Structures are given as C-alpha cells and as structure tokens.
Amino acid sequence: MNLFYKLLYYFQKRGFEVCRRIAERLGIRARVVRTSFIYLTFVTLGFGFALYLFLAFWLRIKDLVYTKRTSVFDL
C-alpha cells in the first residue's frame, strides 16, 4: 500500500504541474483545467490525453531551453 501512495504522490506532483502552469497562464483555477482535460478525454476518446502529453512535453522543452541565467559567465 505504501508503494501505491508513493506512486500517487509522484503523479500528483509531476502530472498536475502541467495543469497548474496552464491555469496560471490563462488566469483560471487549476481545477477547471484538470476537469476540462478529463471531459475532453472522455468525449474525444483520448484526444485530451494526447493533448495533455504534448503540452507536458512542450513545457519540459521550454524549461530546458529558457533557463534563467544570473550573469553572462553562466554560459
């Protein structure tokens, strides 16, 4: 049972970050974004999940490319 909670915590921490960042960008609650992805997934038979994975990948690449540097010598 402990493994289940560790896995659940991992997915909540990593997976919900995408929804949180999208919600901050749009200026709405993260809960609304999460439920819209869930409804979109059920209605379109998986398109919402594919869109979610694409956005997670895009945000990860954006974080890797646009890292904040404090000075010129950090290159």
PDB file of N, CA and C in Angstrom:
ATOM      1  N   MET A   1       0.816  -1.190   0.000  1.00  0.00           N
ATOM      2  CA  MET A   1       0.000   0.000   0.000  1.00  0.00           C
ATOM      3  C   MET A   1       0.864   1.259   0.000  1.00  0.00           C
ATOM      4  N   ASN A   2       2.020   1.197   0.643  1.00  0.00           N
ATOM      5  CA  ASN A   2       2.911   2.347   0.692  1.00  0.00           C
ATOM      6  C   ASN A   2       3.423   2.693  -0.704  1.00  0.00           C
ATOM      7  N   LEU A   3       3.680   1.671  -1.530  1.00  0.00           N
ATOM      8  CA  LEU A   3       4.117   1.897  -2.906  1.00  0.00           C
ATOM      9  C   LEU A   3       3.043   2.628  -3.701  1.00  0.00           C
ATOM     10  N   PHE A   4       1.791   2.285  -3.442  1.00  0.00           N
ATOM     11  CA  PHE A   4       0.676   2.946  -4.114  1.00  0.00           C
ATOM     12  C   PHE A   4       0.653   4.442  -3.807  1.00  0.00           C
ATOM     13  N   TYR A   5       0.849   4.795  -2.554  1.00  0.00           N
ATOM     14  CA  TYR A   5       0.824   6.206  -2.172  1.00  0.00           C
ATOM     15  C   TYR A   5       2.031   6.962  -2.717  1.00  0.00           C
ATOM     16  N   LYS A   6       3.169   6.302  -2.785  1.00  0.00           N
ATOM     17  CA  LYS A   6       4.348   6.941  -3.384  1.00  0.00           C
ATOM     18  C   LYS A   6       4.123   7.208  -4.867  1.00  0.00           C
ATOM     19  N   LEU A   7       3.527   6.231  -5.547  1.00  0.00           N
ATOM     20  CA  LEU A   7       3.224   6.402  -6.964  1.00  0.00           C
ATOM     21  C   LEU A   7       2.181   7.501  -7.176  1.00  0.00           C
ATOM     22  N   LEU A   8       1.166   7.510  -6.335  1.00  0.00           N
ATOM     23  CA  LEU A   8       0.138   8.536  -6.417  1.00  0.00           C
ATOM     24  C   LEU A   8       0.727   9.930  -6.175  1.00  0.00           C
ATOM     25  N   TYR A   9       1.586  10.049  -5.178  1.00  0.00           N
ATOM     26  CA  TYR A   9       2.222  11.331  -4.880  1.00  0.00           C
ATOM     27  C   TYR A   9       3.087  11.787  -6.052  1.00  0.00           C
ATOM     28  N   TYR A  10       3.809  10.866  -6.670  1.00  0.00           N
ATOM     29  CA  TYR A  10       4.658  11.209  -7.820  1.00  0.00           C
ATOM     30  C   TYR A  10       3.819  11.772  -8.962  1.00  0.00           C
ATOM     31  N   PHE A  11       2.711  11.093  -9.298  1.00  0.00           N
ATOM     32  CA  PHE A  11       1.874  11.569 -10.394  1.00  0.00           C
ATOM     33  C   PHE A  11       1.179  12.884 -10.063  1.00  0.00           C
ATOM     34  N   GLN A  12       0.808  13.061  -8.809  1.00  0.00           N
ATOM     35  CA  GLN A  12       0.189  14.328  -8.434  1.00  0.00           C
ATOM     36  C   GLN A  12       1.186  15.471  -8.525  1.00  0.00           C
ATOM     37  N   LYS A  13       2.399  15.216  -8.104  1.00  0.00           N
ATOM     38  CA  LYS A  13       3.411  16.269  -8.120  1.00  0.00           C
ATOM     39  C   LYS A  13       3.839  16.615  -9.541  1.00  0.00           C
ATOM     40  N   ARG A  14       4.089  15.612 -10.350  1.00  0.00           N
ATOM     41  CA  ARG A  14       4.591  15.840 -11.707  1.00  0.00           C
ATOM     42  C   ARG A  14       3.474  16.114 -12.710  1.00  0.00           C
ATOM     43  N   GLY A  15       2.400  15.363 -12.618  1.00  0.00           N
ATOM     44  CA  GLY A  15       1.338  15.461 -13.613  1.00  0.00           C
ATOM     45  C   GLY A  15       0.486  16.700 -13.490  1.00  0.00           C
ATOM     46  N   PHE A  16       0.186  17.102 -12.278  1.00  0.00           N
ATOM     47  CA  PHE A  16      -0.677  18.255 -12.104  1.00  0.00           C
ATOM     48  C   PHE A  16       0.054  19.567 -12.324  1.00  0.00           C
ATOM     49  N   GLU A  17       1.367  19.518 -12.423  1.00  0.00           N
ATOM     50  CA  GLU A  17       2.117  20.746 -12.664  1.00  0.00           C
ATOM     51  C   GLU A  17       1.786  21.339 -14.029  1.00  0.00           C
ATOM     52  N   VAL A  18       1.528  20.481 -14.995  1.00  0.00           N
ATOM     53  CA  VAL A  18       1.160  20.957 -16.334  1.00  0.00           C
ATOM     54  C   VAL A  18      -0.140  21.751 -16.251  1.00  0.00           C
ATOM     55  N   CYS A  19      -1.123  21.207 -15.574  1.00  0.00           N
ATOM     56  CA  CYS A  19      -2.407  21.903 -15.431  1.00  0.00           C
ATOM     57  C   CYS A  19      -2.248  23.201 -14.653  1.00  0.00           C
ATOM     58  N   ARG A  20      -1.421  23.179 -13.628  1.00  0.00           N
ATOM     59  CA  ARG A  20      -1.213  24.379 -12.830  1.00  0.00           C
ATOM     60  C   ARG A  20      -0.572  25.490 -13.665  1.00  0.00           C
ATOM     61  N   ARG A  21       0.417  25.136 -14.483  1.00  0.00           N
ATOM     62  CA  ARG A  21       1.087  26.152 -15.290  1.00  0.00           C
ATOM     63  C   ARG A  21       0.174  26.703 -16.383  1.00  0.00           C
ATOM     64  N   ILE A  22      -0.638  25.847 -16.967  1.00  0.00           N
ATOM     65  CA  ILE A  22      -1.602  26.314 -17.966  1.00  0.00           C
ATOM     66  C   ILE A  22      -2.624  27.233 -17.309  1.00  0.00           C
ATOM     67  N   ALA A  23      -3.075  26.864 -16.117  1.00  0.00           N
ATOM     68  CA  ALA A  23      -4.062  27.685 -15.404  1.00  0.00           C
ATOM     69  C   ALA A  23      -3.481  29.034 -15.020  1.00  0.00           C
ATOM     70  N   GLU A  24      -2.233  29.064 -14.584  1.00  0.00           N
ATOM     71  CA  GLU A  24      -1.603  30.346 -14.267  1.00  0.00           C
ATOM     72  C   GLU A  24      -1.486  31.221 -15.499  1.00  0.00           C
ATOM     73  N   ARG A  25      -1.164  30.598 -16.620  1.00  0.00           N
ATOM     74  CA  ARG A  25      -1.019  31.342 -17.880  1.00  0.00           C
ATOM     75  C   ARG A  25      -2.357  31.945 -18.326  1.00  0.00           C
ATOM     76  N   LEU A  26      -3.430  31.172 -18.149  1.00  0.00           N
ATOM     77  CA  LEU A  26      -4.759  31.635 -18.559  1.00  0.00           C
ATOM     78  C   LEU A  26      -5.457  32.463 -17.493  1.00  0.00           C
ATOM     79  N   GLY A  27      -4.967  32.396 -16.251  1.00  0.00           N
ATOM     80  CA  GLY A  27      -5.570  33.164 -15.173  1.00  0.00           C
ATOM     81  C   GLY A  27      -6.827  32.528 -14.609  1.00  0.00           C
ATOM     82  N   ILE A  28      -6.916  31.201 -14.646  1.00  0.00           N
ATOM     83  CA  ILE A  28      -8.072  30.492 -14.101  1.00  0.00           C
ATOM     84  C   ILE A  28      -7.587  29.465 -13.077  1.00  0.00           C
ATOM     85  N   ARG A  29      -8.518  28.769 -12.441  1.00  0.00           N
ATOM     86  CA  ARG A  29      -8.165  27.759 -11.449  1.00  0.00           C
ATOM     87  C   ARG A  29      -7.616  26.508 -12.124  1.00  0.00           C
ATOM     88  N   ALA A  30      -6.692  25.858 -11.448  1.00  0.00           N
ATOM     89  CA  ALA A  30      -6.115  24.618 -11.971  1.00  0.00           C
ATOM     90  C   ALA A  30      -7.154  23.504 -11.999  1.00  0.00           C
ATOM     91  N   ARG A  31      -8.094  23.544 -11.081  1.00  0.00           N
ATOM     92  CA  ARG A  31      -9.146  22.521 -11.035  1.00  0.00           C
ATOM     93  C   ARG A  31      -9.991  22.542 -12.306  1.00  0.00           C
ATOM     94  N   VAL A  32     -10.262  23.719 -12.829  1.00  0.00           N
ATOM     95  CA  VAL A  32     -11.040  23.841 -14.057  1.00  0.00           C
ATOM     96  C   VAL A  32     -10.277  23.235 -15.228  1.00  0.00           C
ATOM     97  N   VAL A  33      -8.984  23.467 -15.279  1.00  0.00           N
ATOM     98  CA  VAL A  33      -8.167  22.920 -16.360  1.00  0.00           C
ATOM     99  C   VAL A  33      -8.131  21.398 -16.270  1.00  0.00           C
ATOM    100  N   ARG A  34      -7.961  20.861 -15.064  1.00  0.00           N
ATOM    101  CA  ARG A  34      -7.926  19.404 -14.887  1.00  0.00           C
ATOM    102  C   ARG A  34      -9.237  18.754 -15.324  1.00  0.00           C
ATOM    103  N   THR A  35     -10.345  19.313 -14.868  1.00  0.00           N
ATOM    104  CA  THR A  35     -11.634  18.709 -15.238  1.00  0.00           C
ATOM    105  C   THR A  35     -11.911  18.847 -16.727  1.00  0.00           C
ATOM    106  N   SER A  36     -11.471  19.940 -17.336  1.00  0.00           N
ATOM    107  CA  SER A  36     -11.675  20.070 -18.780  1.00  0.00           C
ATOM    108  C   SER A  36     -10.860  19.031 -19.540  1.00  0.00           C
ATOM    109  N   PHE A  37      -9.647  18.724 -19.077  1.00  0.00           N
ATOM    110  CA  PHE A  37      -8.867  17.665 -19.715  1.00  0.00           C
ATOM    111  C   PHE A  37      -9.547  16.306 -19.544  1.00  0.00           C
ATOM    112  N   ILE A  38     -10.127  16.068 -18.380  1.00  0.00           N
ATOM    113  CA  ILE A  38     -10.821  14.801 -18.147  1.00  0.00           C
ATOM    114  C   ILE A  38     -12.032  14.678 -19.062  1.00  0.00           C
ATOM    115  N   TYR A  39     -12.841  15.720 -19.138  1.00  0.00           N
ATOM    116  CA  TYR A  39     -14.014  15.683 -20.007  1.00  0.00           C
ATOM    117  C   TYR A  39     -13.614  15.577 -21.473  1.00  0.00           C
ATOM    118  N   LEU A  40     -12.591  16.289 -21.861  1.00  0.00           N
ATOM    119  CA  LEU A  40     -12.130  16.236 -23.245  1.00  0.00           C
ATOM    120  C   LEU A  40     -11.642  14.839 -23.609  1.00  0.00           C
ATOM    121  N   THR A  41     -11.000  14.167 -22.661  1.00  0.00           N
ATOM    122  CA  THR A  41     -10.526  12.813 -22.906  1.00  0.00           C
ATOM    123  C   THR A  41     -11.689  11.852 -23.101  1.00  0.00           C
ATOM    124  N   PHE A  42     -12.726  11.963 -22.283  1.00  0.00           N
ATOM    125  CA  PHE A  42     -13.872  11.073 -22.426  1.00  0.00           C
ATOM    126  C   PHE A  42     -14.662  11.362 -23.699  1.00  0.00           C
ATOM    127  N   VAL A  43     -14.820  12.617 -24.033  1.00  0.00           N
ATOM    128  CA  VAL A  43     -15.633  12.971 -25.190  1.00  0.00           C
ATOM    129  C   VAL A  43     -14.941  12.594 -26.496  1.00  0.00           C
ATOM    130  N   THR A  44     -13.645  12.841 -26.585  1.00  0.00           N
ATOM    131  CA  THR A  44     -12.941  12.618 -27.847  1.00  0.00           C
ATOM    132  C   THR A  44     -12.166  11.305 -27.878  1.00  0.00           C
ATOM    133  N   LEU A  45     -12.374  10.458 -26.895  1.00  0.00           N
ATOM    134  CA  LEU A  45     -11.763   9.124 -26.851  1.00  0.00           C
ATOM    135  C   LEU A  45     -10.238   9.173 -26.894  1.00  0.00           C
ATOM    136  N   GLY A  46      -9.657  10.011 -26.095  1.00  0.00           N
ATOM    137  CA  GLY A  46      -8.203  10.022 -25.945  1.00  0.00           C
ATOM    138  C   GLY A  46      -7.498  11.250 -26.469  1.00  0.00           C
ATOM    139  N   PHE A  47      -8.172  12.114 -27.189  1.00  0.00           N
ATOM    140  CA  PHE A  47      -7.505  13.299 -27.718  1.00  0.00           C
ATOM    141  C   PHE A  47      -7.041  14.226 -26.600  1.00  0.00           C
ATOM    142  N   GLY A  48      -7.825  14.344 -25.543  1.00  0.00           N
ATOM    143  CA  GLY A  48      -7.437  15.201 -24.418  1.00  0.00           C
ATOM    144  C   GLY A  48      -6.172  14.711 -23.744  1.00  0.00           C
ATOM    145  N   PHE A  49      -6.045  13.396 -23.612  1.00  0.00           N
ATOM    146  CA  PHE A  49      -4.841  12.834 -23.008  1.00  0.00           C
ATOM    147  C   PHE A  49      -3.631  13.065 -23.902  1.00  0.00           C
ATOM    148  N   ALA A  50      -3.807  12.915 -25.209  1.00  0.00           N
ATOM    149  CA  ALA A  50      -2.714  13.182 -26.142  1.00  0.00           C
ATOM    150  C   ALA A  50      -2.325  14.659 -26.095  1.00  0.00           C
ATOM    151  N   LEU A  51      -3.293  15.543 -26.004  1.00  0.00           N
ATOM    152  CA  LEU A  51      -3.017  16.975 -25.889  1.00  0.00           C
ATOM    153  C   LEU A  51      -2.276  17.270 -24.591  1.00  0.00           C
ATOM    154  N   TYR A  52      -2.681  16.618 -23.509  1.00  0.00           N
ATOM    155  CA  TYR A  52      -2.021  16.795 -22.217  1.00  0.00           C
ATOM    156  C   TYR A  52      -0.559  16.362 -22.295  1.00  0.00           C
ATOM    157  N   LEU A  53      -0.288  15.225 -22.898  1.00  0.00           N
ATOM    158  CA  LEU A  53       1.085  14.755 -23.035  1.00  0.00           C
ATOM    159  C   LEU A  53       1.914  15.686 -23.905  1.00  0.00           C
ATOM    160  N   PHE A  54       1.313  16.208 -24.966  1.00  0.00           N
ATOM    161  CA  PHE A  54       2.018  17.152 -25.829  1.00  0.00           C
ATOM    162  C   PHE A  54       2.374  18.426 -25.062  1.00  0.00           C
ATOM    163  N   LEU A  55       1.445  18.938 -24.279  1.00  0.00           N
ATOM    164  CA  LEU A  55       1.720  20.148 -23.504  1.00  0.00           C
ATOM    165  C   LEU A  55       2.769  19.902 -22.424  1.00  0.00           C
ATOM    166  N   ALA A  56       2.732  18.735 -21.806  1.00  0.00           N
ATOM    167  CA  ALA A  56       3.748  18.405 -20.805  1.00  0.00           C
ATOM    168  C   ALA A  56       5.128  18.350 -21.449  1.00  0.00           C
ATOM    169  N   PHE A  57       5.211  17.744 -22.617  1.00  0.00           N
ATOM    170  CA  PHE A  57       6.475  17.678 -23.343  1.00  0.00           C
ATOM    171  C   PHE A  57       6.946  19.076 -23.737  1.00  0.00           C
ATOM    172  N   TRP A  58       6.034  19.898 -24.225  1.00  0.00           N
ATOM    173  CA  TRP A  58       6.378  21.253 -24.659  1.00  0.00           C
ATOM    174  C   TRP A  58       6.879  22.110 -23.498  1.00  0.00           C
ATOM    175  N   LEU A  59       6.222  22.024 -22.353  1.00  0.00           N
ATOM    176  CA  LEU A  59       6.652  22.791 -21.186  1.00  0.00           C
ATOM    177  C   LEU A  59       8.015  22.322 -20.689  1.00  0.00           C
ATOM    178  N   ARG A  60       8.268  21.033 -20.772  1.00  0.00           N
ATOM    179  CA  ARG A  60       9.567  20.498 -20.348  1.00  0.00           C
ATOM    180  C   ARG A  60      10.680  21.012 -21.255  1.00  0.00           C
ATOM    181  N   ILE A  61      10.447  21.002 -22.557  1.00  0.00           N
ATOM    182  CA  ILE A  61      11.442  21.515 -23.507  1.00  0.00           C
ATOM    183  C   ILE A  61      11.650  23.007 -23.299  1.00  0.00           C
ATOM    184  N   LYS A  62      10.568  23.742 -23.065  1.00  0.00           N
ATOM    185  CA  LYS A  62      10.675  25.181 -22.831  1.00  0.00           C
ATOM    186  C   LYS A  62      11.509  25.473 -21.591  1.00  0.00           C
ATOM    187  N   ASP A  63      11.314  24.669 -20.536  1.00  0.00           N
ATOM    188  CA  ASP A  63      12.107  24.861 -19.321  1.00  0.00           C
ATOM    189  C   ASP A  63      13.582  24.573 -19.558  1.00  0.00           C
ATOM    190  N   LEU A  64      13.884  23.614 -20.397  1.00  0.00           N
ATOM    191  CA  LEU A  64      15.277  23.281 -20.664  1.00  0.00           C
ATOM    192  C   LEU A  64      15.956  24.341 -21.524  1.00  0.00           C
ATOM    193  N   VAL A  65      15.218  24.932 -22.436  1.00  0.00           N
ATOM    194  CA  VAL A  65      15.797  25.922 -23.347  1.00  0.00           C
ATOM    195  C   VAL A  65      15.901  27.289 -22.695  1.00  0.00           C
ATOM    196  N   TYR A  66      14.840  27.714 -22.048  1.00  0.00           N
ATOM    197  CA  TYR A  66      14.806  29.046 -21.460  1.00  0.00           C
ATOM    198  C   TYR A  66      15.123  29.007 -19.972  1.00  0.00           C
ATOM    199  N   THR A  67      16.329  28.656 -19.634  1.00  0.00           N
ATOM    200  CA  THR A  67      16.730  28.684 -18.228  1.00  0.00           C
ATOM    201  C   THR A  67      17.174  30.098 -17.873  1.00  0.00           C
ATOM    202  N   LYS A  68      16.842  30.506 -16.694  1.00  0.00           N
ATOM    203  CA  LYS A  68      17.177  31.847 -16.249  1.00  0.00           C
ATOM    204  C   LYS A  68      18.637  31.868 -15.771  1.00  0.00           C
ATOM    205  N   ARG A  69      19.432  32.696 -16.383  1.00  0.00           N
ATOM    206  CA  ARG A  69      20.830  32.817 -16.007  1.00  0.00           C
ATOM    207  C   ARG A  69      21.027  34.128 -15.260  1.00  0.00           C
ATOM    208  N   THR A  70      21.874  34.088 -14.238  1.00  0.00           N
ATOM    209  CA  THR A  70      22.068  35.280 -13.426  1.00  0.00           C
ATOM    210  C   THR A  70      23.126  36.204 -14.001  1.00  0.00           C
ATOM    211  N   SER A  71      24.080  35.645 -14.747  1.00  0.00           N
ATOM    212  CA  SER A  71      25.098  36.523 -15.334  1.00  0.00           C
ATOM    213  C   SER A  71      25.553  35.960 -16.667  1.00  0.00           C
ATOM    214  N   VAL A  72      26.399  36.687 -17.344  1.00  0.00           N
ATOM    215  CA  VAL A  72      26.916  36.290 -18.635  1.00  0.00           C
ATOM    216  C   VAL A  72      27.869  35.098 -18.493  1.00  0.00           C
ATOM    217  N   PHE A  73      28.510  34.983 -17.356  1.00  0.00           N
ATOM    218  CA  PHE A  73      29.517  33.954 -17.156  1.00  0.00           C
ATOM    219  C   PHE A  73      28.932  32.578 -16.835  1.00  0.00           C
ATOM    220  N   ASP A  74      27.589  32.452 -16.778  1.00  0.00           N
ATOM    221  CA  ASP A  74      26.965  31.171 -16.505  1.00  0.00           C
ATOM    222  C   ASP A  74      26.844  30.296 -17.758  1.00  0.00           C
ATOM    223  N   LEU A  75      27.232  30.797 -18.906  1.00  0.00           N
ATOM    224  CA  LEU A  75      27.145  30.029 -20.137  1.00  0.00           C
ATOM    225  C   LEU A  75      28.047  28.844 -20.045  1.00  0.00           C
TER     226      LEU A  75
END
